[in-house]
Amino acid sequence: LLFTGRLVEQVQATVDAYQHRHPDVQAIVAPYLNAHPLVVATFLERLTEAEQGEARMNCQFCAYRTPLIGREDWQGAPQTTDHH
């Protein structure tokens, strides 16, 4: 998790309820990532992109950032909205 507060409590309650309904499945909530080196590295990569005017979508593996099989032409394409 990357956050704290009420949402964490809701996540834990959801996992607990799932675990109660499915005792044969182990369900856990991952610990906080805090300043995990990969979180920090990813943040610094996005910061550099923003400073260089190359910022794109914020998901690490979206079709616009990383070539996907069958969608290679999407990589680096301008972002558009679905809102009308």
Protein backbone atom coordinates (compact mmCIF):
# COMPACT_ATOMS: atom_id res chain seq x y z
CA LEU A 1 0.00 0.00 0.00
CA LEU A 2 1.07 3.57 -0.67
CA PHE A 3 -1.36 5.30 1.65
CA THR A 4 -2.66 5.39 5.21
CA GLY A 5 -5.91 6.23 6.95
CA ARG A 6 -9.52 5.21 6.56
CA LEU A 7 -9.02 3.59 3.18
CA VAL A 8 -6.49 1.18 4.70
CA GLU A 9 -9.09 0.20 7.31
CA GLN A 10 -11.64 -0.41 4.54
CA VAL A 11 -9.16 -2.54 2.60
CA GLN A 12 -8.40 -4.60 5.72
CA ALA A 13 -12.12 -5.05 6.46
CA THR A 14 -12.73 -6.20 2.88
CA VAL A 15 -9.86 -8.69 3.06
CA ASP A 16 -11.06 -9.95 6.46
CA ALA A 17 -14.59 -10.46 5.12
CA TYR A 18 -13.23 -12.30 2.08
CA GLN A 19 -11.05 -14.47 4.32
CA HIS A 20 -14.08 -15.31 6.47
CA ARG A 21 -16.10 -16.35 3.39
CA HIS A 22 -13.17 -18.28 1.89
CA PRO A 23 -11.18 -19.89 4.74
CA ASP A 24 -9.38 -22.14 2.24
CA VAL A 25 -7.75 -19.10 0.59
CA GLN A 26 -5.03 -17.09 2.30
CA ALA A 27 -5.77 -13.39 1.85
CA ILE A 28 -3.38 -10.74 3.15
CA VAL A 29 -2.86 -6.99 2.92
CA ALA A 30 0.64 -6.09 1.81
CA PRO A 31 2.71 -3.85 4.09
CA TYR A 32 3.32 -0.20 3.29
CA LEU A 33 5.81 0.48 0.51
CA ASN A 34 6.84 3.81 2.05
CA ALA A 35 10.17 4.84 0.51
CA HIS A 36 10.87 1.49 -1.13
CA PRO A 37 13.79 1.97 -3.55
CA LEU A 38 11.68 1.06 -6.59
CA VAL A 39 8.91 3.49 -5.59
CA VAL A 40 11.50 6.25 -5.20
CA ALA A 41 13.18 5.33 -8.51
CA THR A 42 9.86 5.39 -10.36
CA PHE A 43 8.98 8.75 -8.81
CA LEU A 44 12.33 10.18 -9.92
CA GLU A 45 11.81 8.83 -13.46
CA ARG A 46 8.40 10.53 -13.67
CA LEU A 47 9.89 13.77 -12.27
CA THR A 48 12.64 13.76 -14.91
CA GLU A 49 10.06 13.14 -17.65
CA ALA A 50 7.97 16.05 -16.40
CA GLU A 51 10.98 18.37 -16.25
CA GLN A 52 11.95 17.43 -19.81
CA GLY A 53 8.39 17.84 -21.10
CA GLU A 54 8.05 14.12 -21.80
CA ALA A 55 5.45 13.27 -19.15
CA ARG A 56 2.80 10.87 -20.39
CA MET A 57 0.25 8.65 -18.75
CA ASN A 58 1.23 7.80 -15.18
CA CYS A 59 0.83 4.03 -15.32
CA GLN A 60 4.10 2.17 -15.65
CA PHE A 61 2.90 -0.37 -18.21
CA CYS A 62 0.26 1.50 -20.21
CA ALA A 63 0.14 1.04 -23.97
CA TYR A 64 1.35 4.62 -24.49
CA ARG A 65 4.53 4.15 -22.43
CA THR A 66 5.51 0.53 -23.18
CA PRO A 67 5.03 -1.26 -26.51
CA LEU A 68 2.41 -4.00 -26.24
CA ILE A 69 2.08 -6.82 -28.73
CA GLY A 70 -0.42 -5.75 -31.35
CA ARG A 71 -0.42 -2.13 -30.10
CA GLU A 72 3.17 -1.12 -30.78
CA ASP A 73 1.96 1.91 -32.74
CA TRP A 74 0.35 3.32 -29.57
CA GLN A 75 3.70 3.89 -27.82
CA GLY A 76 4.35 7.62 -27.56
CA ALA A 77 1.06 8.51 -29.25
CA PRO A 78 -0.68 11.70 -28.09
CA GLN A 79 -3.14 11.18 -25.26
CA THR A 80 -6.82 11.68 -25.99
CA THR A 81 -9.87 11.71 -23.78
CA ASP A 82 -13.06 9.68 -23.93
CA HIS A 83 -15.06 12.57 -22.46
CA HIS A 84 -17.55 14.15 -24.84
